[in-house]
């Protein structure tokens, strides 16, 4: 499943802190960072370090052949930092490292000049692949950061799409609902099909329950505030999976896509609830 993910999808999950380490609550934001604040700072630092890595790789005197080498991204997400902690201290825990040499070699200028012309072309070809891969990762990180934290346009609305998870094939689309980004108490609305009609299961409406609040962050925060959309539950979902010897069911999850007036789009996903037609997320 991971192999089917794009770089954008992997980074979206990597920077997703809506479940771990968990929301501290609005009453504790004066002393504790919100998860989205930590995600923003870490994303910013990862992007800076990717810039440095791509520049270093482009400045090497001879091409390398790093087959099987990977780039590791990491940060400390176990506990939300207190506001008394400096941003430089948080940044110092971010990791962007090359690892897993596999069949890689460290090519020096002396070694490279001793190679035959075909061998030199071979190194240049593989090094081009590696540097292009780093460029793509950096571009994706920059693009993802801008969509979530950049721009000046206000977030306008969000589309919540419900899917049935399938590990060996494409996920089944169940329905969607469009919600305005405005403070909203717990509300239940019907899901619509791709054609815009209400989804019915056994003659009953398929529904989504959600709530929305806007949280302002204390002075000194890198962010002014953030919308907090809670996907509470869905009800009367249709069964999408049919296996012999098991009752028909679905493995639902929700994807929220926020849309800004300037064209930016940001997505976040709930967990998958296995074998359930009335999932309770509370995320």
C-alpha atoms as a PDB file:
ATOM      1  CA  UNK A   1       0.000   0.000   0.000  1.00  0.00           C
ATOM      2  CA  UNK A   2       2.850   2.388   0.842  1.00  0.00           C
ATOM      3  CA  UNK A   3       4.353   1.757  -2.588  1.00  0.00           C
ATOM      4  CA  UNK A   4       1.168   3.077  -4.199  1.00  0.00           C
ATOM      5  CA  UNK A   5       1.378   6.386  -2.307  1.00  0.00           C
ATOM      6  CA  UNK A   6       2.686   9.516  -3.978  1.00  0.00           C
ATOM      7  CA  UNK A   7       5.263  11.703  -2.220  1.00  0.00           C
ATOM      8  CA  UNK A   8       2.486  14.190  -1.483  1.00  0.00           C
ATOM      9  CA  UNK A   9       0.382  11.511   0.252  1.00  0.00           C
ATOM     10  CA  UNK A  10       3.327  10.265   2.321  1.00  0.00           C
ATOM     11  CA  UNK A  11       4.229  13.787   3.473  1.00  0.00           C
ATOM     12  CA  UNK A  12       0.566  14.459   4.296  1.00  0.00           C
ATOM     13  CA  UNK A  13       0.508  11.468   6.644  1.00  0.00           C
ATOM     14  CA  UNK A  14       3.984  12.246   7.999  1.00  0.00           C
ATOM     15  CA  UNK A  15       2.996  15.746   9.137  1.00  0.00           C
ATOM     16  CA  UNK A  16      -0.455  14.688  10.376  1.00  0.00           C
ATOM     17  CA  UNK A  17      -0.560  15.208  14.156  1.00  0.00           C
ATOM     18  CA  UNK A  18      -4.326  15.241  14.690  1.00  0.00           C
ATOM     19  CA  UNK A  19      -4.225  11.997  16.712  1.00  0.00           C
ATOM     20  CA  UNK A  20      -0.685  11.821  18.117  1.00  0.00           C
ATOM     21  CA  UNK A  21       0.321  13.492  20.386  1.00  0.00           C
ATOM     22  CA  UNK A  22      -3.297  14.622  20.709  1.00  0.00           C
ATOM     23  CA  UNK A  23      -5.138  17.896  21.176  1.00  0.00           C
ATOM     24  CA  UNK A  24      -4.306  19.718  24.452  1.00  0.00           C
ATOM     25  CA  UNK A  25      -7.637  21.581  24.492  1.00  0.00           C
ATOM     26  CA  UNK A  26      -8.319  25.276  23.935  1.00  0.00           C
ATOM     27  CA  UNK A  27      -7.816  26.097  27.633  1.00  0.00           C
ATOM     28  CA  UNK A  28      -4.172  24.918  27.544  1.00  0.00           C
ATOM     29  CA  UNK A  29      -3.046  26.722  24.392  1.00  0.00           C
ATOM     30  CA  UNK A  30      -1.616  29.595  26.465  1.00  0.00           C
ATOM     31  CA  UNK A  31       1.078  27.223  27.773  1.00  0.00           C
ATOM     32  CA  UNK A  32       1.270  24.395  25.196  1.00  0.00           C
ATOM     33  CA  UNK A  33       1.757  24.298  21.451  1.00  0.00           C
ATOM     34  CA  UNK A  34      -1.138  23.076  19.323  1.00  0.00           C
ATOM     35  CA  UNK A  35      -0.422  20.076  17.072  1.00  0.00           C
ATOM     36  CA  UNK A  36      -0.789  22.223  13.934  1.00  0.00           C
ATOM     37  CA  UNK A  37       1.820  24.676  15.257  1.00  0.00           C
ATOM     38  CA  UNK A  38       4.295  21.839  15.733  1.00  0.00           C
ATOM     39  CA  UNK A  39       3.484  20.463  12.280  1.00  0.00           C
ATOM     40  CA  UNK A  40       4.113  23.873  10.685  1.00  0.00           C
ATOM     41  CA  UNK A  41       7.501  24.386  12.335  1.00  0.00           C
ATOM     42  CA  UNK A  42       8.663  20.854  11.578  1.00  0.00           C
ATOM     43  CA  UNK A  43       7.478  21.100   7.957  1.00  0.00           C
ATOM     44  CA  UNK A  44       9.345  24.393   7.600  1.00  0.00           C
ATOM     45  CA  UNK A  45      12.549  22.897   9.019  1.00  0.00           C
ATOM     46  CA  UNK A  46      12.306  19.739   6.890  1.00  0.00           C
ATOM     47  CA  UNK A  47      11.976  21.880   3.776  1.00  0.00           C
ATOM     48  CA  UNK A  48      15.016  23.995   4.715  1.00  0.00           C
ATOM     49  CA  UNK A  49      17.118  20.891   5.272  1.00  0.00           C
ATOM     50  CA  UNK A  50      15.971  19.368   1.986  1.00  0.00           C
ATOM     51  CA  UNK A  51      17.131  22.564   0.260  1.00  0.00           C
ATOM     52  CA  UNK A  52      20.566  22.151   1.869  1.00  0.00           C
ATOM     53  CA  UNK A  53      20.717  18.478   0.901  1.00  0.00           C
ATOM     54  CA  UNK A  54      19.850  19.117  -2.738  1.00  0.00           C
ATOM     55  CA  UNK A  55      22.436  21.923  -2.933  1.00  0.00           C
ATOM     56  CA  UNK A  56      25.154  19.722  -1.422  1.00  0.00           C
ATOM     57  CA  UNK A  57      24.386  16.888  -3.841  1.00  0.00           C
ATOM     58  CA  UNK A  58      24.527  19.295  -6.790  1.00  0.00           C
ATOM     59  CA  UNK A  59      27.910  20.626  -5.658  1.00  0.00           C
ATOM     60  CA  UNK A  60      29.685  17.245  -5.507  1.00  0.00           C
ATOM     61  CA  UNK A  61      32.743  17.250  -7.791  1.00  0.00           C
ATOM     62  CA  UNK A  62      31.924  13.862  -9.368  1.00  0.00           C
ATOM     63  CA  UNK A  63      28.695  11.887  -9.861  1.00  0.00           C
ATOM     64  CA  UNK A  64      27.799   9.216  -7.338  1.00  0.00           C
ATOM     65  CA  UNK A  65      26.083   5.860  -7.686  1.00  0.00           C
ATOM     66  CA  UNK A  66      23.845   5.573  -4.654  1.00  0.00           C
ATOM     67  CA  UNK A  67      21.642   2.580  -5.410  1.00  0.00           C
ATOM     68  CA  UNK A  68      19.301   1.690  -2.557  1.00  0.00           C
ATOM     69  CA  UNK A  69      20.125   4.852  -0.611  1.00  0.00           C
ATOM     70  CA  UNK A  70      17.121   6.585   0.959  1.00  0.00           C
ATOM     71  CA  UNK A  71      16.256   9.865   2.659  1.00  0.00           C
ATOM     72  CA  UNK A  72      14.918   9.612   6.214  1.00  0.00           C
ATOM     73  CA  UNK A  73      12.639  12.283   7.668  1.00  0.00           C
ATOM     74  CA  UNK A  74      11.913  12.364  11.376  1.00  0.00           C
ATOM     75  CA  UNK A  75      10.962  14.553  14.332  1.00  0.00           C
ATOM     76  CA  UNK A  76       9.958  14.228  17.978  1.00  0.00           C
ATOM     77  CA  UNK A  77       6.156  13.949  18.131  1.00  0.00           C
ATOM     78  CA  UNK A  78       5.727  12.179  21.464  1.00  0.00           C
ATOM     79  CA  UNK A  79       4.807  15.248  23.518  1.00  0.00           C
ATOM     80  CA  UNK A  80       3.636  18.709  22.525  1.00  0.00           C
ATOM     81  CA  UNK A  81       6.282  21.288  23.522  1.00  0.00           C
ATOM     82  CA  UNK A  82       5.548  23.974  26.115  1.00  0.00           C
ATOM     83  CA  UNK A  83       5.520  27.564  24.876  1.00  0.00           C
ATOM     84  CA  UNK A  84       8.558  28.240  27.049  1.00  0.00           C
ATOM     85  CA  UNK A  85      10.627  25.997  24.761  1.00  0.00           C
ATOM     86  CA  UNK A  86      12.512  27.787  21.973  1.00  0.00           C
ATOM     87  CA  UNK A  87      11.813  27.106  18.316  1.00  0.00           C
ATOM     88  CA  UNK A  88      15.523  26.418  17.760  1.00  0.00           C
ATOM     89  CA  UNK A  89      15.336  23.599  20.305  1.00  0.00           C
ATOM     90  CA  UNK A  90      12.364  22.057  18.476  1.00  0.00           C
ATOM     91  CA  UNK A  91      14.084  22.444  15.111  1.00  0.00           C
ATOM     92  CA  UNK A  92      17.166  20.651  16.475  1.00  0.00           C
ATOM     93  CA  UNK A  93      15.101  17.468  16.892  1.00  0.00           C
ATOM     94  CA  UNK A  94      14.194  17.343  13.193  1.00  0.00           C
ATOM     95  CA  UNK A  95      16.082  14.792  11.108  1.00  0.00           C
ATOM     96  CA  UNK A  96      16.704  14.772   7.355  1.00  0.00           C
ATOM     97  CA  UNK A  97      19.369  12.133   6.774  1.00  0.00           C
ATOM     98  CA  UNK A  98      20.653   9.889   4.024  1.00  0.00           C
ATOM     99  CA  UNK A  99      20.683   6.247   5.130  1.00  0.00           C
ATOM    100  CA  UNK A 100      20.703   2.623   3.906  1.00  0.00           C
ATOM    101  CA  UNK A 101      23.618   2.565   1.500  1.00  0.00           C
ATOM    102  CA  UNK A 102      22.587  -0.746  -0.055  1.00  0.00           C
ATOM    103  CA  UNK A 103      24.751  -1.179  -3.141  1.00  0.00           C
ATOM    104  CA  UNK A 104      25.932   2.425  -3.073  1.00  0.00           C
ATOM    105  CA  UNK A 105      29.512   3.614  -3.424  1.00  0.00           C
ATOM    106  CA  UNK A 106      31.299   6.807  -2.403  1.00  0.00           C
ATOM    107  CA  UNK A 107      32.908   7.979  -5.618  1.00  0.00           C
ATOM    108  CA  UNK A 108      35.962  10.236  -5.210  1.00  0.00           C
ATOM    109  CA  UNK A 109      37.551  12.407  -7.887  1.00  0.00           C
ATOM    110  CA  UNK A 110      40.594  10.132  -8.008  1.00  0.00           C
ATOM    111  CA  UNK A 111      38.459   6.995  -8.319  1.00  0.00           C
ATOM    112  CA  UNK A 112      36.209   8.584 -10.940  1.00  0.00           C
ATOM    113  CA  UNK A 113      39.120   9.601 -13.179  1.00  0.00           C
ATOM    114  CA  UNK A 114      40.325   5.999 -13.132  1.00  0.00           C
ATOM    115  CA  UNK A 115      37.008   4.664 -14.451  1.00  0.00           C
ATOM    116  CA  UNK A 116      36.397   3.863 -18.080  1.00  0.00           C
ATOM    117  CA  UNK A 117      34.205   6.172 -20.155  1.00  0.00           C
ATOM    118  CA  UNK A 118      31.183   3.805 -20.028  1.00  0.00           C
ATOM    119  CA  UNK A 119      31.596   3.522 -16.236  1.00  0.00           C
ATOM    120  CA  UNK A 120      31.708   7.319 -15.917  1.00  0.00           C
ATOM    121  CA  UNK A 121      28.544   7.638 -17.998  1.00  0.00           C
ATOM    122  CA  UNK A 122      26.937   4.988 -15.793  1.00  0.00           C
ATOM    123  CA  UNK A 123      27.690   7.040 -12.639  1.00  0.00           C
ATOM    124  CA  UNK A 124      26.412  10.205 -14.270  1.00  0.00           C
ATOM    125  CA  UNK A 125      23.156   8.488 -15.263  1.00  0.00           C
ATOM    126  CA  UNK A 126      22.431   7.068 -11.803  1.00  0.00           C
ATOM    127  CA  UNK A 127      23.451  10.305 -10.083  1.00  0.00           C
ATOM    128  CA  UNK A 128      21.001  12.157 -12.293  1.00  0.00           C
ATOM    129  CA  UNK A 129      18.226   9.828 -11.121  1.00  0.00           C
ATOM    130  CA  UNK A 130      19.133  10.403  -7.470  1.00  0.00           C
ATOM    131  CA  UNK A 131      19.370  14.194  -7.697  1.00  0.00           C
ATOM    132  CA  UNK A 132      16.089  14.369  -9.643  1.00  0.00           C
ATOM    133  CA  UNK A 133      14.447  12.315  -6.902  1.00  0.00           C
ATOM    134  CA  UNK A 134      15.690  14.754  -4.254  1.00  0.00           C
ATOM    135  CA  UNK A 135      14.466  17.678  -6.348  1.00  0.00           C
ATOM    136  CA  UNK A 136      11.043  16.070  -6.575  1.00  0.00           C
ATOM    137  CA  UNK A 137      10.904  15.480  -2.809  1.00  0.00           C
ATOM    138  CA  UNK A 138      11.896  19.092  -2.138  1.00  0.00           C
ATOM    139  CA  UNK A 139       9.342  20.426  -4.633  1.00  0.00           C
ATOM    140  CA  UNK A 140       6.609  18.296  -3.071  1.00  0.00           C
ATOM    141  CA  UNK A 141       7.518  19.503   0.429  1.00  0.00           C
ATOM    142  CA  UNK A 142       7.494  23.151  -0.709  1.00  0.00           C
ATOM    143  CA  UNK A 143       4.199  22.709  -2.518  1.00  0.00           C
ATOM    144  CA  UNK A 144       2.618  20.930   0.464  1.00  0.00           C
ATOM    145  CA  UNK A 145       3.781  23.652   2.865  1.00  0.00           C
ATOM    146  CA  UNK A 146       2.386  26.431   0.678  1.00  0.00           C
ATOM    147  CA  UNK A 147      -0.983  24.729   0.309  1.00  0.00           C
ATOM    148  CA  UNK A 148      -1.370  24.259   4.049  1.00  0.00           C
ATOM    149  CA  UNK A 149       0.354  27.298   5.548  1.00  0.00           C
ATOM    150  CA  UNK A 150       1.082  29.768   2.726  1.00  0.00           C
ATOM    151  CA  UNK A 151      -1.002  32.248   0.777  1.00  0.00           C
ATOM    152  CA  UNK A 152      -3.173  35.055   2.019  1.00  0.00           C
ATOM    153  CA  UNK A 153      -6.612  33.774   1.005  1.00  0.00           C
ATOM    154  CA  UNK A 154      -9.073  32.756   3.699  1.00  0.00           C
ATOM    155  CA  UNK A 155     -10.098  29.121   3.994  1.00  0.00           C
ATOM    156  CA  UNK A 156     -13.537  29.041   2.391  1.00  0.00           C
ATOM    157  CA  UNK A 157     -15.106  25.605   2.815  1.00  0.00           C
ATOM    158  CA  UNK A 158     -14.313  21.910   3.030  1.00  0.00           C
ATOM    159  CA  UNK A 159     -15.475  18.748   1.326  1.00  0.00           C
ATOM    160  CA  UNK A 160     -15.673  15.580   3.411  1.00  0.00           C
ATOM    161  CA  UNK A 161     -15.556  12.408   1.339  1.00  0.00           C
ATOM    162  CA  UNK A 162     -16.285   8.974   2.788  1.00  0.00           C
ATOM    163  CA  UNK A 163     -14.592   5.913   1.316  1.00  0.00           C
ATOM    164  CA  UNK A 164     -14.497   2.177   1.942  1.00  0.00           C
ATOM    165  CA  UNK A 165     -10.864   1.132   2.374  1.00  0.00           C
ATOM    166  CA  UNK A 166      -9.549  -1.691   0.168  1.00  0.00           C
ATOM    167  CA  UNK A 167      -5.967  -2.872   0.603  1.00  0.00           C
ATOM    168  CA  UNK A 168      -5.645  -4.648  -2.750  1.00  0.00           C
ATOM    169  CA  UNK A 169      -7.690  -2.373  -5.027  1.00  0.00           C
ATOM    170  CA  UNK A 170      -8.934   1.187  -5.308  1.00  0.00           C
ATOM    171  CA  UNK A 171     -10.997   2.451  -2.386  1.00  0.00           C
ATOM    172  CA  UNK A 172     -14.771   2.513  -2.938  1.00  0.00           C
ATOM    173  CA  UNK A 173     -16.362   5.954  -2.986  1.00  0.00           C
ATOM    174  CA  UNK A 174     -19.412   6.199  -0.693  1.00  0.00           C
ATOM    175  CA  UNK A 175     -20.438   9.846  -0.611  1.00  0.00           C
ATOM    176  CA  UNK A 176     -19.498  13.424   0.216  1.00  0.00           C
ATOM    177  CA  UNK A 177     -20.704  16.568   1.943  1.00  0.00           C
ATOM    178  CA  UNK A 178     -19.603  20.191   1.527  1.00  0.00           C
ATOM    179  CA  UNK A 179     -19.422  22.280   4.689  1.00  0.00           C
ATOM    180  CA  UNK A 180     -18.753  26.007   5.145  1.00  0.00           C
ATOM    181  CA  UNK A 181     -15.825  26.851   7.420  1.00  0.00           C
ATOM    182  CA  UNK A 182     -17.668  28.710  10.144  1.00  0.00           C
ATOM    183  CA  UNK A 183     -18.116  27.933  13.857  1.00  0.00           C
ATOM    184  CA  UNK A 184     -20.660  25.115  13.918  1.00  0.00           C
ATOM    185  CA  UNK A 185     -22.101  23.102  16.784  1.00  0.00           C
ATOM    186  CA  UNK A 186     -22.577  19.359  16.369  1.00  0.00           C
ATOM    187  CA  UNK A 187     -24.536  19.024  13.111  1.00  0.00           C
ATOM    188  CA  UNK A 188     -25.776  16.078  11.045  1.00  0.00           C
ATOM    189  CA  UNK A 189     -26.168  16.398   7.267  1.00  0.00           C
ATOM    190  CA  UNK A 190     -26.873  13.913   4.440  1.00  0.00           C
ATOM    191  CA  UNK A 191     -24.139  12.507   2.231  1.00  0.00           C
ATOM    192  CA  UNK A 192     -24.418  13.044  -1.502  1.00  0.00           C
ATOM    193  CA  UNK A 193     -23.414  10.695  -4.291  1.00  0.00           C
ATOM    194  CA  UNK A 194     -20.972  11.635  -7.043  1.00  0.00           C
ATOM    195  CA  UNK A 195     -24.020  12.676  -9.077  1.00  0.00           C
ATOM    196  CA  UNK A 196     -25.299  14.986  -6.342  1.00  0.00           C
ATOM    197  CA  UNK A 197     -28.238  12.889  -5.117  1.00  0.00           C
ATOM    198  CA  UNK A 198     -28.715  11.906  -1.498  1.00  0.00           C
ATOM    199  CA  UNK A 199     -27.230   8.529  -0.588  1.00  0.00           C
ATOM    200  CA  UNK A 200     -29.837   6.082   0.716  1.00  0.00           C
ATOM    201  CA  UNK A 201     -29.155   2.763   2.412  1.00  0.00           C
ATOM    202  CA  UNK A 202     -32.180   0.542   2.911  1.00  0.00           C
ATOM    203  CA  UNK A 203     -34.434   3.536   2.387  1.00  0.00           C
ATOM    204  CA  UNK A 204     -32.667   5.583   5.089  1.00  0.00           C
ATOM    205  CA  UNK A 205     -30.422   8.611   4.624  1.00  0.00           C
ATOM    206  CA  UNK A 206     -26.669   8.126   4.920  1.00  0.00           C
ATOM    207  CA  UNK A 207     -25.410  10.956   7.113  1.00  0.00           C
ATOM    208  CA  UNK A 208     -22.300  12.705   8.413  1.00  0.00           C
ATOM    209  CA  UNK A 209     -22.031  14.368  11.833  1.00  0.00           C
ATOM    210  CA  UNK A 210     -19.403  17.042  12.449  1.00  0.00           C
ATOM    211  CA  UNK A 211     -18.560  20.217  14.374  1.00  0.00           C
ATOM    212  CA  UNK A 212     -16.276  23.200  13.670  1.00  0.00           C
ATOM    213  CA  UNK A 213     -14.488  25.725  15.864  1.00  0.00           C
ATOM    214  CA  UNK A 214     -11.855  28.389  15.220  1.00  0.00           C
ATOM    215  CA  UNK A 215      -8.974  28.668  17.661  1.00  0.00           C
ATOM    216  CA  UNK A 216      -6.790  31.746  17.936  1.00  0.00           C
ATOM    217  CA  UNK A 217      -3.232  31.138  19.083  1.00  0.00           C
ATOM    218  CA  UNK A 218      -1.404  33.264  21.676  1.00  0.00           C
ATOM    219  CA  UNK A 219       0.815  36.187  20.737  1.00  0.00           C
ATOM    220  CA  UNK A 220       4.206  34.963  19.545  1.00  0.00           C
ATOM    221  CA  UNK A 221       2.851  31.968  17.666  1.00  0.00           C
ATOM    222  CA  UNK A 222       3.960  31.550  14.063  1.00  0.00           C
ATOM    223  CA  UNK A 223       0.279  31.017  13.185  1.00  0.00           C
ATOM    224  CA  UNK A 224      -2.606  33.397  13.844  1.00  0.00           C
ATOM    225  CA  UNK A 225      -5.050  30.560  14.425  1.00  0.00           C
ATOM    226  CA  UNK A 226      -6.550  27.430  12.919  1.00  0.00           C
ATOM    227  CA  UNK A 227      -9.894  25.886  12.037  1.00  0.00           C
ATOM    228  CA  UNK A 228     -10.587  22.691  13.956  1.00  0.00           C
ATOM    229  CA  UNK A 229     -13.051  20.420  12.146  1.00  0.00           C
ATOM    230  CA  UNK A 230     -14.153  17.334  14.067  1.00  0.00           C
ATOM    231  CA  UNK A 231     -15.489  14.415  12.037  1.00  0.00           C
ATOM    232  CA  UNK A 232     -17.697  12.843  14.687  1.00  0.00           C
ATOM    233  CA  UNK A 233     -19.457   9.962  12.953  1.00  0.00           C
ATOM    234  CA  UNK A 234     -21.284   8.647   9.903  1.00  0.00           C
ATOM    235  CA  UNK A 235     -24.468   6.594   9.888  1.00  0.00           C
ATOM    236  CA  UNK A 236     -26.258   4.126   7.608  1.00  0.00           C
ATOM    237  CA  UNK A 237     -23.324   3.593   5.275  1.00  0.00           C
ATOM    238  CA  UNK A 238     -23.824   1.114   2.444  1.00  0.00           C
ATOM    239  CA  UNK A 239     -21.948  -2.192   2.530  1.00  0.00           C
ATOM    240  CA  UNK A 240     -19.169  -2.273  -0.061  1.00  0.00           C
ATOM    241  CA  UNK A 241     -17.387  -5.520   0.874  1.00  0.00           C
ATOM    242  CA  UNK A 242     -18.983  -8.919   0.361  1.00  0.00           C
ATOM    243  CA  UNK A 243     -17.032 -11.989   1.483  1.00  0.00           C
ATOM    244  CA  UNK A 244     -18.291 -15.534   1.688  1.00  0.00           C
ATOM    245  CA  UNK A 245     -19.073 -16.524   5.254  1.00  0.00           C
ATOM    246  CA  UNK A 246     -19.023 -12.919   6.539  1.00  0.00           C
ATOM    247  CA  UNK A 247     -21.781 -10.316   6.791  1.00  0.00           C
ATOM    248  CA  UNK A 248     -21.614  -7.534   4.232  1.00  0.00           C
ATOM    249  CA  UNK A 249     -19.766  -4.512   5.623  1.00  0.00           C
ATOM    250  CA  UNK A 250     -17.474  -1.587   4.855  1.00  0.00           C
ATOM    251  CA  UNK A 251     -14.167  -0.305   6.239  1.00  0.00           C
ATOM    252  CA  UNK A 252     -14.919   3.424   6.172  1.00  0.00           C
ATOM    253  CA  UNK A 253     -12.619   6.399   6.505  1.00  0.00           C
ATOM    254  CA  UNK A 254     -13.134  10.097   5.827  1.00  0.00           C
ATOM    255  CA  UNK A 255     -10.956  12.536   3.885  1.00  0.00           C
ATOM    256  CA  UNK A 256     -11.412  16.229   4.593  1.00  0.00           C
ATOM    257  CA  UNK A 257     -10.326  18.605   1.817  1.00  0.00           C
ATOM    258  CA  UNK A 258     -10.201  22.258   2.859  1.00  0.00           C
ATOM    259  CA  UNK A 259     -10.351  24.845   0.048  1.00  0.00           C
ATOM    260  CA  UNK A 260      -9.085  28.417   0.194  1.00  0.00           C
ATOM    261  CA  UNK A 261     -10.160  31.425  -1.827  1.00  0.00           C
ATOM    262  CA  UNK A 262      -6.700  31.630  -3.460  1.00  0.00           C
ATOM    263  CA  UNK A 263      -6.841  28.061  -4.786  1.00  0.00           C
ATOM    264  CA  UNK A 264      -4.923  26.320  -2.024  1.00  0.00           C
ATOM    265  CA  UNK A 265      -6.119  22.848  -1.024  1.00  0.00           C
ATOM    266  CA  UNK A 266      -5.257  20.852   2.105  1.00  0.00           C
ATOM    267  CA  UNK A 267      -6.292  17.294   2.919  1.00  0.00           C
ATOM    268  CA  UNK A 268      -6.413  15.308   6.146  1.00  0.00           C
ATOM    269  CA  UNK A 269      -7.675  11.789   6.740  1.00  0.00           C
ATOM    270  CA  UNK A 270      -9.300   9.919   9.605  1.00  0.00           C
ATOM    271  CA  UNK A 271      -8.433   6.410  10.694  1.00  0.00           C
ATOM    272  CA  UNK A 272     -10.102   3.394   9.086  1.00  0.00           C
ATOM    273  CA  UNK A 273     -12.898   1.749  11.099  1.00  0.00           C
ATOM    274  CA  UNK A 274     -13.003  -1.932  10.041  1.00  0.00           C
ATOM    275  CA  UNK A 275     -16.273  -3.755   9.370  1.00  0.00           C
ATOM    276  CA  UNK A 276     -18.582  -0.937  10.384  1.00  0.00           C
ATOM    277  CA  UNK A 277     -21.583   0.803   8.813  1.00  0.00           C
ATOM    278  CA  UNK A 278     -22.003   3.368  11.591  1.00  0.00           C
ATOM    279  CA  UNK A 279     -18.427   4.512  12.322  1.00  0.00           C
ATOM    280  CA  UNK A 280     -17.564   6.727  15.285  1.00  0.00           C
ATOM    281  CA  UNK A 281     -14.371   8.697  14.598  1.00  0.00           C
ATOM    282  CA  UNK A 282     -14.352  11.704  16.907  1.00  0.00           C
ATOM    283  CA  UNK A 283     -11.254  12.979  15.051  1.00  0.00           C
END
